[in-house]
Every structure is written in structure tokens, then in C-alpha cells.
Amino acid sequence: MEHIINEADRKKLTLFLGECWNSGSYEKGDMKALSIKEMRRFDTPSDQHAVFSRLVEVGKWSRFYWVTRKIDSEPDNVELLFINPERFCKLAADYLGEEKCQK
């Protein structure tokens, strides 16, 4: 199966979650940067939940949902957003990129 999340998407989502993005592994004080193998892949239910929770926490869920309704084939069925974690995370990455362009 081909992954739809690319490196730029992973970086955007990692930073959105408030986590450290780094191409190597190091420790500095209390902060430990994750190695590439340890970084989120944004293709699991736990990654999807983290992105969803952050969208809710920062007040972006409602806008994200309405924007994705325009591109989803079943716009009135919110459950369909949660069937594929990687697709959900890709939609969130695209939304976050578009949101910055509109400011």
C-alpha cells in the first residue's frame, strides 16, 4: 500500500502537535528529539486521535470538518472521516497548509 502522507505533511502535523521535528536524534536538557524511526508516521489510529484532539483543543475542528465536507464524497457522514487514519491525517495536513495561505 502506498502512503499518502509525505515528509512535509509529517513535519507539519508533528509541529502542529507541539512535538519536536528533527532529522536526527539528540537530547538537550529535558527535551529529547526523536529519531526518524521513532517519529510519528500519521497512519495509525493513535496518530489520528492525537491530530483530532489537537484540532479540537485549538478550536479548529469545526472549520476543518466543514472544509473537508466540500471534498469528501459523503459530506454528511462524519464517521467516514475516521475510517482511514492516514487519509484523515493527510486531510488535516492539507487543511493546515491551506489555512496558513488564507491568513
Protein backbone atom coordinates (compact mmCIF):
# COMPACT_ATOMS: atom_id res chain seq x y z
CA MET A 1 0.00 0.00 0.00
CA GLU A 2 1.35 3.39 -0.99
CA HIS A 3 1.45 6.01 1.73
CA ILE A 4 -0.27 9.30 1.04
CA ILE A 5 1.47 11.17 3.85
CA ASN A 6 4.79 12.66 2.76
CA GLU A 7 7.69 14.12 4.74
CA ALA A 8 6.34 17.68 4.55
CA ASP A 9 2.94 16.50 5.86
CA ARG A 10 4.60 14.62 8.74
CA LYS A 11 6.63 17.69 9.66
CA LYS A 12 3.56 19.96 9.55
CA LEU A 13 1.50 17.60 11.72
CA THR A 14 4.34 16.92 14.15
CA LEU A 15 4.85 20.63 14.75
CA PHE A 16 1.07 21.16 14.99
CA LEU A 17 1.03 18.62 17.82
CA GLY A 18 3.77 20.61 19.56
CA GLU A 19 6.33 17.86 19.15
CA CYS A 20 9.92 18.23 18.08
CA TRP A 21 10.80 17.73 14.41
CA ASN A 22 14.36 16.70 13.74
CA SER A 23 16.11 14.53 11.21
CA GLY A 24 18.41 13.07 13.86
CA SER A 25 18.21 12.03 17.49
CA TYR A 26 19.62 14.08 20.32
CA GLU A 27 18.94 15.06 23.91
CA LYS A 28 19.14 18.58 25.27
CA GLY A 29 18.01 19.17 28.81
CA ASP A 30 14.53 17.74 29.28
CA MET A 31 13.82 17.68 25.55
CA LYS A 32 14.58 14.59 23.52
CA ALA A 33 14.26 14.76 19.77
CA LEU A 34 13.04 11.57 18.21
CA SER A 35 14.98 9.72 15.57
CA ILE A 36 13.31 9.15 12.21
CA LYS A 37 12.38 5.61 13.26
CA GLU A 38 10.66 6.95 16.40
CA MET A 39 8.73 9.76 14.70
CA ARG A 40 5.03 9.51 14.06
CA ARG A 41 4.02 8.12 10.68
CA PHE A 42 0.47 9.51 10.88
CA ASP A 43 -1.09 6.29 9.64
CA THR A 44 -2.32 4.79 12.92
CA PRO A 45 -5.49 5.34 14.96
CA SER A 46 -3.42 6.81 17.82
CA ASP A 47 -1.85 9.39 15.48
CA GLN A 48 -5.29 10.18 14.07
CA HIS A 49 -6.67 10.67 17.57
CA ALA A 50 -3.77 12.95 18.50
CA VAL A 51 -4.43 15.15 15.45
CA PHE A 52 -8.19 15.15 16.08
CA SER A 53 -7.70 16.04 19.76
CA ARG A 54 -5.34 18.88 18.88
CA LEU A 55 -7.79 20.25 16.28
CA VAL A 56 -10.48 20.30 18.98
CA GLU A 57 -8.12 21.75 21.60
CA VAL A 58 -7.10 24.73 19.45
CA GLY A 59 -10.63 25.36 18.16
CA LYS A 60 -10.02 24.26 14.58
CA TRP A 61 -12.17 21.10 14.44
CA SER A 62 -15.39 22.76 13.29
CA ARG A 63 -13.72 24.65 10.45
CA PHE A 64 -11.70 21.55 9.45
CA TYR A 65 -14.88 19.47 9.35
CA TRP A 66 -16.74 21.99 7.19
CA VAL A 67 -13.80 22.37 4.80
CA THR A 68 -13.41 18.60 4.40
CA ARG A 69 -17.14 18.23 3.77
CA LYS A 70 -16.55 20.05 0.48
CA ILE A 71 -14.02 17.46 -0.71
CA ASP A 72 -15.45 14.29 0.79
CA SER A 73 -17.73 12.12 -1.34
CA GLU A 74 -20.07 11.56 1.64
CA PRO A 75 -20.09 15.04 3.16
CA ASP A 76 -22.74 14.48 5.81
CA ASN A 77 -21.18 11.38 7.33
CA VAL A 78 -18.52 12.44 9.86
CA GLU A 79 -17.79 8.79 10.68
CA LEU A 80 -16.26 8.34 7.22
CA LEU A 81 -13.51 10.79 8.17
CA PHE A 82 -12.33 8.33 10.82
CA ILE A 83 -12.25 5.11 8.77
CA ASN A 84 -8.75 5.63 7.38
CA PRO A 85 -6.28 7.24 9.84
CA GLU A 86 -3.74 8.12 7.16
CA ARG A 87 -6.36 9.79 4.97
CA PHE A 88 -7.66 11.77 7.96
CA CYS A 89 -4.12 12.95 8.78
CA LYS A 90 -3.50 13.86 5.13
CA LEU A 91 -6.70 15.93 5.06
CA ALA A 92 -5.59 17.65 8.28
CA ALA A 93 -2.13 18.39 6.86
CA ASP A 94 -3.68 19.82 3.70
CA TYR A 95 -6.13 21.88 5.77
CA LEU A 96 -3.37 23.29 7.96
CA GLY A 97 -1.36 24.25 4.87
CA GLU A 98 -4.35 25.93 3.23
CA GLU A 99 -5.25 27.72 6.44
CA LYS A 100 -1.82 29.41 6.56
CA CYS A 101 -2.19 30.51 2.94
CA GLN A 102 -5.50 32.25 3.72
CA LYS A 103 -4.08 34.43 6.51
